Protein backbone atom coordinates (compact mmCIF):
# COMPACT_ATOMS: atom_id res chain seq x y z
CA MET A 1 21.70 -1.03 -13.64
CA SER A 2 24.43 1.51 -14.39
CA ASP A 3 25.94 3.83 -11.81
CA ALA A 4 24.59 6.89 -13.62
CA GLY A 5 21.08 5.47 -13.57
CA THR A 6 21.34 4.65 -9.87
CA VAL A 7 22.57 8.14 -9.00
CA ALA A 8 19.79 9.75 -11.06
CA GLN A 9 17.14 7.63 -9.31
CA GLU A 10 18.50 8.46 -5.87
CA ARG A 11 18.51 12.19 -6.66
CA ALA A 12 14.97 11.99 -8.06
CA GLN A 13 13.72 10.12 -5.02
CA ALA A 14 15.22 12.72 -2.69
CA LEU A 15 13.52 15.52 -4.64
CA SER A 16 10.18 13.68 -4.77
CA ARG A 17 10.17 13.16 -0.99
CA VAL A 18 10.03 16.93 -0.48
CA GLY A 19 7.41 17.44 -3.22
CA ARG A 20 9.76 18.74 -5.92
CA HIS A 21 8.39 16.40 -8.59
CA ALA A 22 9.09 18.68 -11.55
CA GLU A 23 12.80 18.89 -10.67
CA ALA A 24 12.92 15.13 -10.12
CA ALA A 25 11.38 14.59 -13.56
CA GLN A 26 14.01 16.85 -15.11
CA VAL A 27 16.81 14.80 -13.51
CA LEU A 28 15.29 11.57 -14.79
CA ARG A 29 14.83 12.92 -18.32
CA GLY A 30 18.50 13.83 -18.43
CA ALA A 31 19.46 10.28 -17.43
CA LEU A 32 16.99 8.76 -19.91
CA ALA A 33 18.56 10.74 -22.75
CA GLU A 34 21.63 8.51 -22.28
CA GLN A 35 19.73 5.30 -21.35
CA PRO A 36 16.30 5.43 -23.07
CA GLN A 37 15.50 1.77 -22.27
CA HIS A 38 16.27 1.93 -18.54
CA ALA A 39 13.17 0.44 -16.85
CA GLY A 40 13.97 1.90 -13.42
CA LEU A 41 14.30 5.44 -14.77
CA LEU A 42 11.10 5.05 -16.77
CA LEU A 43 9.25 3.84 -13.66
CA HIS A 44 10.43 6.73 -11.49
CA LEU A 45 9.62 9.26 -14.20
CA ALA A 46 6.12 7.76 -14.47
CA ARG A 47 5.69 8.23 -10.71
CA CYS A 48 6.69 11.88 -11.02
CA HIS A 49 4.14 12.44 -13.78
CA ARG A 50 1.45 10.68 -11.73
CA SER A 51 2.22 12.91 -8.75
CA THR A 52 1.77 16.01 -10.91
CA GLY A 53 -1.46 14.72 -12.51
CA GLN A 54 -0.03 13.92 -15.95
CA LEU A 55 -1.63 10.48 -16.04
CA ALA A 56 -1.53 9.88 -19.81
CA GLU A 57 2.22 10.48 -19.96
CA ALA A 58 2.72 8.33 -16.86
CA MET A 59 0.82 5.46 -18.48
CA ARG A 60 2.86 5.78 -21.67
CA LEU A 61 6.11 5.52 -19.70
CA VAL A 62 4.90 2.48 -17.75
CA ASP A 63 3.87 0.71 -20.96
CA GLN A 64 7.26 1.51 -22.43
CA ALA A 65 9.00 0.08 -19.35
CA LEU A 66 6.85 -3.06 -19.48
CA GLY A 67 8.20 -3.71 -22.95
CA VAL A 68 11.82 -3.84 -21.78
CA ALA A 69 11.73 -4.97 -18.14
CA ARG A 70 12.09 -8.54 -16.91
CA ALA A 71 10.69 -8.04 -13.40
CA GLN A 72 7.31 -6.44 -14.05
CA GLU A 73 5.43 -6.62 -10.74
CA HIS A 74 6.44 -3.09 -9.65
CA LEU A 75 5.54 -1.71 -13.06
CA LEU A 76 2.13 -3.38 -12.94
CA ALA A 77 1.60 -1.96 -9.44
CA GLU A 78 2.41 1.53 -10.75
CA LYS A 79 0.01 0.95 -13.63
CA ALA A 80 -2.70 0.07 -11.11
CA ARG A 81 -1.98 3.30 -9.22
CA ILE A 82 -2.28 5.37 -12.39
CA LEU A 83 -5.55 3.68 -13.33
CA LEU A 84 -6.94 4.32 -9.85
CA ALA A 85 -5.97 7.99 -10.10
CA ALA A 86 -7.64 8.13 -13.52
CA GLY A 87 -10.88 6.71 -12.13
CA HIS A 88 -10.70 3.21 -13.64
CA PRO A 89 -10.83 0.85 -10.63
CA GLY A 90 -11.85 -2.17 -12.72
CA HIS A 91 -8.74 -1.95 -14.93
CA ALA A 92 -6.65 -1.16 -11.85
CA ALA A 93 -7.87 -4.37 -10.20
CA ALA A 94 -6.87 -6.34 -13.32
CA ALA A 95 -3.36 -4.84 -13.24
CA ALA A 96 -3.02 -5.58 -9.52
CA ARG A 97 -4.10 -9.20 -10.09
CA ARG A 98 -1.42 -9.57 -12.77
CA ALA A 99 1.14 -8.21 -10.32
CA LEU A 100 -0.04 -10.75 -7.72
CA GLU A 101 0.41 -13.58 -10.22
CA LEU A 102 4.06 -12.57 -10.57
CA ALA A 103 4.62 -11.84 -6.85
CA PRO A 104 1.98 -13.48 -4.61
CA ARG A 105 3.58 -12.02 -1.45
CA SER A 106 3.71 -8.44 -2.70
CA TRP A 107 2.09 -6.22 -0.08
CA GLU A 108 1.87 -3.46 -2.67
CA ALA A 109 -0.17 -5.57 -5.08
CA HIS A 110 -2.47 -6.80 -2.30
CA ALA A 111 -3.04 -3.24 -1.09
CA LEU A 112 -3.72 -1.90 -4.60
CA LEU A 113 -6.16 -4.70 -5.35
CA ALA A 114 -7.96 -3.97 -2.07
CA GLU A 115 -8.05 -0.26 -2.96
CA ALA A 116 -9.52 -0.97 -6.39
CA LEU A 117 -12.15 -3.37 -5.05
CA LEU A 118 -13.10 -0.90 -2.32
CA THR A 119 -13.56 1.81 -4.95
CA LEU A 120 -15.83 -0.46 -6.98
CA GLY A 121 -18.02 -0.65 -3.89
CA ASN A 122 -19.96 -3.87 -4.45
CA PRO A 123 -20.47 -5.65 -1.08
CA THR A 124 -18.85 -8.86 -2.32
CA ARG A 125 -15.86 -6.90 -3.60
CA VAL A 126 -15.56 -5.05 -0.30
CA VAL A 127 -15.38 -8.41 1.50
CA VAL A 128 -12.63 -9.50 -0.90
CA ALA A 129 -10.87 -6.18 -0.32
CA ARG A 130 -10.98 -6.93 3.42
CA ARG A 131 -9.07 -10.17 2.80
CA HIS A 132 -6.38 -8.55 0.64
CA ALA A 133 -5.94 -5.68 3.10
CA ASP A 134 -5.44 -8.21 5.91
CA THR A 135 -2.81 -10.00 3.82
CA ALA A 136 -1.00 -6.74 3.04
CA ARG A 137 -0.97 -5.85 6.74
CA GLU A 138 0.40 -9.27 7.67
CA ILE A 139 3.26 -8.86 5.18
CA ARG A 140 4.12 -5.24 6.07
CA HIS A 141 2.57 -3.87 9.24
CA ASP A 142 5.02 -0.95 9.44
CA ILE A 143 3.54 1.13 6.59
CA PRO A 144 0.95 3.82 7.48
CA ASP A 145 -0.76 3.57 4.08
CA ILE A 146 -1.79 -0.03 4.79
CA HIS A 147 -3.38 0.90 8.12
CA LEU A 148 -5.20 3.79 6.43
CA LEU A 149 -6.58 1.40 3.81
CA ASP A 150 -7.61 -0.93 6.63
CA ALA A 151 -9.45 1.97 8.30
CA ARG A 152 -11.27 2.90 5.11
CA ILE A 153 -12.51 -0.66 4.58
CA HIS A 154 -13.66 -0.89 8.21
CA LEU A 155 -15.47 2.43 7.76
CA ARG A 156 -17.22 1.19 4.61
CA MET A 157 -18.39 -1.87 6.54
CA GLY A 158 -19.73 0.24 9.40
CA ARG A 159 -17.04 -0.71 11.95
CA LEU A 160 -16.27 2.72 13.35
CA ARG A 161 -14.32 1.53 16.37
CA ALA A 162 -12.05 -0.68 14.24
CA ALA A 163 -11.58 2.18 11.74
CA ARG A 164 -10.48 4.55 14.51
CA GLU A 165 -8.05 1.95 15.86
CA ALA A 166 -6.52 1.45 12.40
CA CYS A 167 -6.02 5.22 12.08
CA ARG A 168 -4.34 5.28 15.47
CA GLN A 169 -1.99 2.50 14.34
CA ALA A 170 -1.03 4.61 11.32
CA LEU A 171 -0.39 7.61 13.58
CA VAL A 172 1.81 5.49 15.87
CA LEU A 173 4.04 4.88 12.86
CA ASP A 174 3.85 8.50 11.66
CA PRO A 175 2.30 11.06 14.07
CA ALA A 176 2.15 13.66 11.26
CA TYR A 177 0.39 11.39 8.75
CA GLU A 178 -2.19 13.78 7.31
CA PRO A 179 -4.61 11.24 5.68
CA ALA A 180 -5.11 9.42 9.01
CA LEU A 181 -5.60 12.69 10.90
CA ALA A 182 -8.14 13.84 8.31
CA LEU A 183 -10.02 10.52 8.35
CA LEU A 184 -10.28 10.60 12.15
CA ALA A 185 -11.61 14.15 11.94
CA ARG A 186 -14.18 13.13 9.30
CA MET A 187 -15.40 10.32 11.53
CA ASP A 188 -15.78 12.80 14.40
CA ALA A 189 -17.65 15.20 12.12
CA SER A 190 -20.02 12.44 10.96
CA ARG A 191 -20.97 11.83 14.60
CA ASP A 192 -21.45 15.57 15.21
CA ARG A 193 -18.38 15.85 17.43
CA VAL A 194 -17.68 19.22 15.89
CA GLY A 195 -15.10 20.53 18.35
CA ARG A 196 -12.96 17.40 18.14
CA ALA A 197 -13.32 17.31 14.35
CA ALA A 198 -12.24 20.94 14.11
CA ARG A 199 -9.09 20.26 16.12
CA GLY A 200 -8.42 17.14 14.03
CA PHE A 201 -8.61 19.02 10.73
CA THR A 202 -6.37 21.72 12.19
CA ASP A 203 -3.77 19.06 12.99
CA ALA A 204 -4.15 17.58 9.49
CA LEU A 205 -3.55 20.97 7.86
CA ALA A 206 -0.54 21.55 10.11
CA ALA A 207 0.89 18.22 8.89
CA ASN A 208 0.20 19.03 5.23
CA PRO A 209 -0.89 22.62 4.46
CA HIS A 210 -1.41 21.72 0.78
CA ALA A 211 -4.04 19.03 1.42
CA ARG A 212 -7.08 20.36 -0.45
CA GLY A 213 -9.56 17.93 1.09
CA ALA A 214 -8.51 18.78 4.62
CA ALA A 215 -8.62 22.52 3.85
CA ALA A 216 -12.19 22.31 2.52
CA ALA A 217 -13.28 20.16 5.46
CA HIS A 218 -11.61 22.61 7.86
CA GLU A 219 -13.76 25.42 6.45
CA ALA A 220 -16.91 23.30 6.67
CA VAL A 221 -16.29 22.21 10.24
CA ALA A 222 -15.62 25.81 11.28
CA VAL A 223 -19.10 26.71 10.05
CA ALA A 224 -20.51 23.60 11.76
CA LEU A 225 -19.03 24.83 15.04
CA CYS A 226 -20.99 28.05 14.59
CA TRP A 227 -24.17 26.04 14.02
CA ARG A 228 -23.64 24.28 17.35
CA LEU A 229 -24.30 27.66 18.98
CA PHE A 230 -27.60 27.78 17.12
CA ASP A 231 -28.45 24.26 18.35
CA ALA A 232 -27.94 25.33 21.95
CA ALA A 233 -29.98 28.52 21.53
CA ALA A 234 -32.81 26.75 19.69
CA LEU A 235 -32.98 23.95 22.24
CA ALA A 236 -33.10 26.47 25.10
CA GLY A 237 -35.83 28.57 23.44
CA ILE A 238 -38.02 25.64 22.39
CA GLY A 239 -37.57 23.87 25.72
CA HIS A 240 -38.51 27.00 27.67
CA TRP A 241 -41.62 27.66 25.59
CA ALA A 242 -42.77 24.01 25.69
CA LEU A 243 -42.17 23.64 29.43
CA PHE A 244 -44.15 26.72 30.46
CA ALA A 245 -46.87 25.96 27.93
CA LEU A 246 -47.56 22.87 30.02
CA VAL A 247 -46.74 24.21 33.50
CA ASP A 248 -47.33 27.92 34.06
CA SER A 249 -45.45 29.04 37.20
CA GLY A 250 -46.03 32.74 36.71
CA ARG A 251 -44.16 35.50 34.97
CA ALA A 252 -41.36 35.66 37.55
CA GLY A 253 -40.60 31.97 37.22
CA ARG A 254 -40.61 32.13 33.41
CA LEU A 255 -38.29 35.14 33.40
CA ALA A 256 -35.88 33.52 35.88
CA ALA A 257 -35.78 30.36 33.81
CA ALA A 258 -35.16 32.34 30.61
CA LEU A 259 -32.29 34.27 32.19
CA ALA A 260 -30.80 31.04 33.56
CA LEU A 261 -30.95 29.42 30.10
CA LEU A 262 -29.32 32.48 28.52
CA ALA A 263 -26.51 32.25 31.06
CA VAL A 264 -26.04 28.54 30.34
CA VAL A 265 -25.87 29.09 26.56
CA ALA A 266 -23.37 31.95 26.93
CA GLY A 267 -21.37 30.12 29.57
CA SER A 268 -21.04 27.00 27.43
CA ALA A 269 -20.25 28.86 24.20
CA LEU A 270 -17.28 30.85 25.52
CA PRO A 271 -15.24 27.88 26.84
CA VAL A 272 -15.87 25.97 23.61
CA TRP A 273 -14.62 28.94 21.60
CA ARG A 274 -11.50 29.30 23.71
CA ARG A 275 -10.67 25.59 23.40
CA GLN A 276 -10.44 25.80 19.63
CA PRO A 277 -7.02 26.20 17.97
CA PRO A 278 -6.10 29.72 16.80
CA ALA A 279 -6.19 28.55 13.17
CA LEU A 280 -9.83 27.52 13.50
CA ARG A 281 -10.85 30.77 15.17
CA LEU A 282 -9.13 32.70 12.40
CA GLN A 283 -10.91 30.57 9.80
CA LEU A 284 -14.30 31.29 11.37
CA ARG A 285 -13.59 35.04 11.48
CA ARG A 286 -12.80 34.90 7.76
CA GLN A 287 -16.14 33.25 7.06
CA LEU A 288 -18.28 35.70 9.02
CA GLY A 289 -19.56 37.17 5.77
CA SER A 290 -20.53 33.84 4.22
CA THR A 291 -24.19 32.96 3.66
CA SER A 292 -24.13 29.95 5.97
CA VAL A 293 -22.63 31.84 8.91
CA LEU A 294 -24.95 34.84 8.44
CA LEU A 295 -27.97 32.53 8.34
CA CYS A 296 -26.73 30.72 11.45
CA LEU A 297 -26.27 33.98 13.35
CA ALA A 298 -29.68 35.27 12.26
CA LEU A 299 -31.43 32.07 13.38
CA THR A 300 -29.49 32.09 16.65
CA ALA A 301 -30.57 35.67 17.33
CA THR A 302 -34.17 34.72 16.49
CA ALA A 303 -34.07 31.76 18.89
CA LEU A 304 -32.59 33.85 21.68
CA GLY A 305 -35.11 36.59 21.00
CA GLY A 306 -37.91 34.04 21.24
CA LEU A 307 -36.49 32.84 24.56
CA VAL A 308 -36.42 36.39 25.98
CA VAL A 309 -39.93 37.22 24.76
CA SER A 310 -41.18 33.89 26.12
CA GLY A 311 -39.78 34.81 29.53
CA LEU A 312 -41.28 38.32 29.48
CA ALA A 313 -44.71 37.37 28.14
CA PRO A 314 -47.51 37.59 30.74
CA ALA A 315 -49.16 34.43 29.32
CA ARG A 316 -49.12 32.18 26.28
CA ASP A 317 -52.43 33.52 24.93
CA THR A 318 -51.25 37.14 24.91
CA PRO A 319 -49.74 38.94 21.86
CA ALA A 320 -46.28 38.62 23.46
CA GLY A 321 -46.79 34.87 23.82
CA GLY A 322 -47.80 34.65 20.15
CA LEU A 323 -44.71 36.65 19.15
CA ALA A 324 -42.49 34.25 21.10
CA ALA A 325 -44.04 31.29 19.29
CA LEU A 326 -43.62 33.06 15.94
CA LEU A 327 -39.94 33.76 16.63
CA LEU A 328 -39.28 30.16 17.67
CA MET A 329 -41.04 28.53 14.70
CA PRO A 330 -38.22 28.94 12.10
CA ALA A 331 -35.58 27.99 14.67
CA GLY A 332 -37.62 24.91 15.63
CA ALA A 333 -38.01 23.82 12.01
CA VAL A 334 -34.28 24.13 11.30
CA PHE A 335 -33.39 22.42 14.56
CA ALA A 336 -35.74 19.50 13.75
CA PHE A 337 -34.16 19.14 10.30
CA ARG A 338 -30.65 19.13 11.74
CA ALA A 339 -31.63 16.54 14.36
CA TRP A 340 -33.18 14.29 11.69
CA ARG A 341 -30.08 14.57 9.49
CA GLN A 342 -27.81 13.68 12.40
CA LEU A 343 -29.94 10.64 13.25
CA THR A 344 -29.71 9.40 9.65
CA ARG A 345 -25.93 9.88 9.69
CA ARG A 346 -25.65 7.79 12.83
CA ALA A 347 -27.95 5.13 11.38
CA VAL A 348 -25.89 4.58 8.20
CA PRO A 349 -22.90 2.83 9.90
CA VAL A 350 -25.28 0.61 11.90
CA VAL A 351 -27.16 -0.43 8.76
CA ARG A 352 -23.89 -1.13 6.95
CA TRP A 353 -22.56 -3.17 9.85
CA ILE A 354 -25.70 -5.32 9.95
CA GLY A 355 -25.78 -5.66 6.16
CA TYR A 356 -22.18 -6.81 5.87
CA ARG A 357 -22.58 -9.32 8.71
CA ILE A 358 -25.59 -10.85 6.95
CA TRP A 359 -23.85 -10.78 3.59
CA THR A 360 -20.67 -12.52 4.76
CA ARG A 361 -22.70 -15.26 6.44
CA LEU A 362 -24.72 -15.82 3.28
CA VAL A 363 -21.50 -16.03 1.27
CA ALA A 364 -20.07 -18.56 3.74
CA ARG A 365 -23.18 -20.73 3.45
CA ALA A 366 -23.03 -20.55 -0.36
CA ALA A 367 -19.38 -21.62 -0.15
CA ALA A 368 -20.28 -24.61 2.02
CA ARG A 369 -22.96 -25.74 -0.44
CA ALA A 370 -20.59 -25.24 -3.38
CA THR A 371 -17.90 -27.29 -1.62
CA VAL A 372 -20.33 -30.16 -1.01
CA ALA A 373 -21.52 -30.01 -4.63
CA GLY A 374 -17.94 -29.97 -5.87
CA THR A 375 -17.04 -33.01 -3.79
CA ALA A 376 -20.01 -34.93 -5.13
CA SER A 377 -19.40 -33.93 -8.75
CA PRO A 378 -15.80 -32.86 -9.51
CA ALA A 379 -16.66 -31.99 -13.10
CA GLU A 380 -19.35 -29.56 -12.03
CA GLY A 381 -17.14 -28.20 -9.28
CA THR A 382 -14.65 -26.91 -11.82
CA ALA A 383 -17.22 -24.85 -13.67
CA ASP A 384 -16.76 -21.08 -13.65
CA PRO A 385 -19.91 -20.15 -11.67
CA ALA A 386 -19.05 -22.53 -8.85
CA ALA A 387 -15.49 -21.29 -8.83
CA GLY A 388 -16.76 -17.76 -8.48
CA VAL A 389 -18.93 -18.72 -5.53
CA VAL A 390 -16.06 -20.52 -3.84
CA SER A 391 -13.78 -17.56 -4.37
CA ALA A 392 -16.29 -15.14 -2.89
CA ALA A 393 -17.00 -17.48 -0.01
CA ASP A 394 -13.34 -17.95 0.76
CA ASP A 395 -13.08 -14.17 0.95
CA GLY A 396 -15.92 -14.13 3.44
CA ARG A 397 -14.29 -16.82 5.58
CA ALA A 398 -10.95 -15.05 5.45
CA SER A 399 -12.52 -11.91 6.84
CA ALA A 400 -14.26 -13.75 9.68
CA PRO A 401 -11.37 -13.26 12.16
CA ALA A 402 -11.42 -9.55 11.45
CA ARG A 403 -15.17 -9.45 12.13
CA ARG A 404 -14.73 -11.22 15.41
C-alpha cells in the first residue's frame, strides 16, 4: 500500500465519520485516478457509495476489487452488506459464508451472516443466526452493532427482557447510539408504555436528527400519547355508566362520582403532559390538525360528555340516560378495539417464545437421532440431508446456553 493511498483512505474515513460521504468519495476518486487497481481505495469508495444509496456502483467497485485483491474476506463482507441493503438476504448469506471460509474468526462475517439469516426469517435460520451472533459477541464484545443485532434476534424469538438487556449493553458502550435508543423505544411502544416510548424516541432523535425511522416513530408515538387521554376518558365514562346501571345510589351519588372521575382524568393528564420532553410537546402541537388527533379529541369529548350526562341523568330509563348511553357507545367500541389490539400485541412475543423453545428442542432431538444413525452407518451419515439436520441441530444446541 502506497503512502498516497494510505493518506487518501485516512482522509476519506475522517470525512465518512461525520457523514460527508460525497466529499470522501471525491477524495478516493482522485487517489484511484493514480492507482486504479488499489483494492483498499476501491473498498472504501464502495462503502461511500453504499452509504449514499448507490448500491449498483458499490457492487461494481467491490467486484473490481475482488479481481485484484489477495485478502478478500473484508471485500466479501462489504459485498454482503451491499446485498443486504439491496434486499437480497439469501445472496448476502452466501457472501458472508465465503468470508467465513477465509476467516473463521471474523466477527464481521459472523455478524453479517446472522443479519442475513435473521432477515430471511425462517425459524431454523433464526436459530442459526442466534449461534453466529453469539460467536460474533464472543470475538468482539466492545462493538455496539453486535449488541444491537443480539437484541434484534432476542426480540424475534420473543425474549423481551434479553433484548432490552442487549440494548443496554450497546448503550453502555455508546450512550448516544441511536439504533439502540430507537429499538428500546419501539419495545416500550409495543407494550403500550407510550410516555416512556415518547421520551425514548426523543433521545434517539437527539442522538441522530436525520434518522428517518425514529422521526416517523416519534410522530406516531406523539399521537399515541394523545390517545391515552381518550383511553382514560372512555374508561371513566363506561365504568361510571356500568357501575350505576347495576347499583343506583341516587342522582347526588352519580353526580359526585362523575365529578370525581373528571377530576382524576384531568389530574392525571396534566402531570403526564408536563413530564414529556419539549420536543414531543412541540410535535404534538404540530399535529393538532391531523385526522388522527382530531378524531381522538372528538371521541374524548364524546366520552367526557357521556360521563357528565350520565352523572346528571335522573335515571337510566330517562331520555338523559339514553343520551348518555348513546354518547358512550362509539367511545366504548373504539376502546374495546384498542384493548383487543393491545392484547394481541402482548400475546405475539409469548407465542414466539413458546414456539422457538419447542422448535429448538425438536431440532436437538433430530440431531441426536441423526448422530445415532450416522454412527451406525457412516456412509448414510455423510449424505446431504443428514448433514443438514446435524447442522441445524448443532445450531440449536449452540443456542441452548443463551436460552437458559
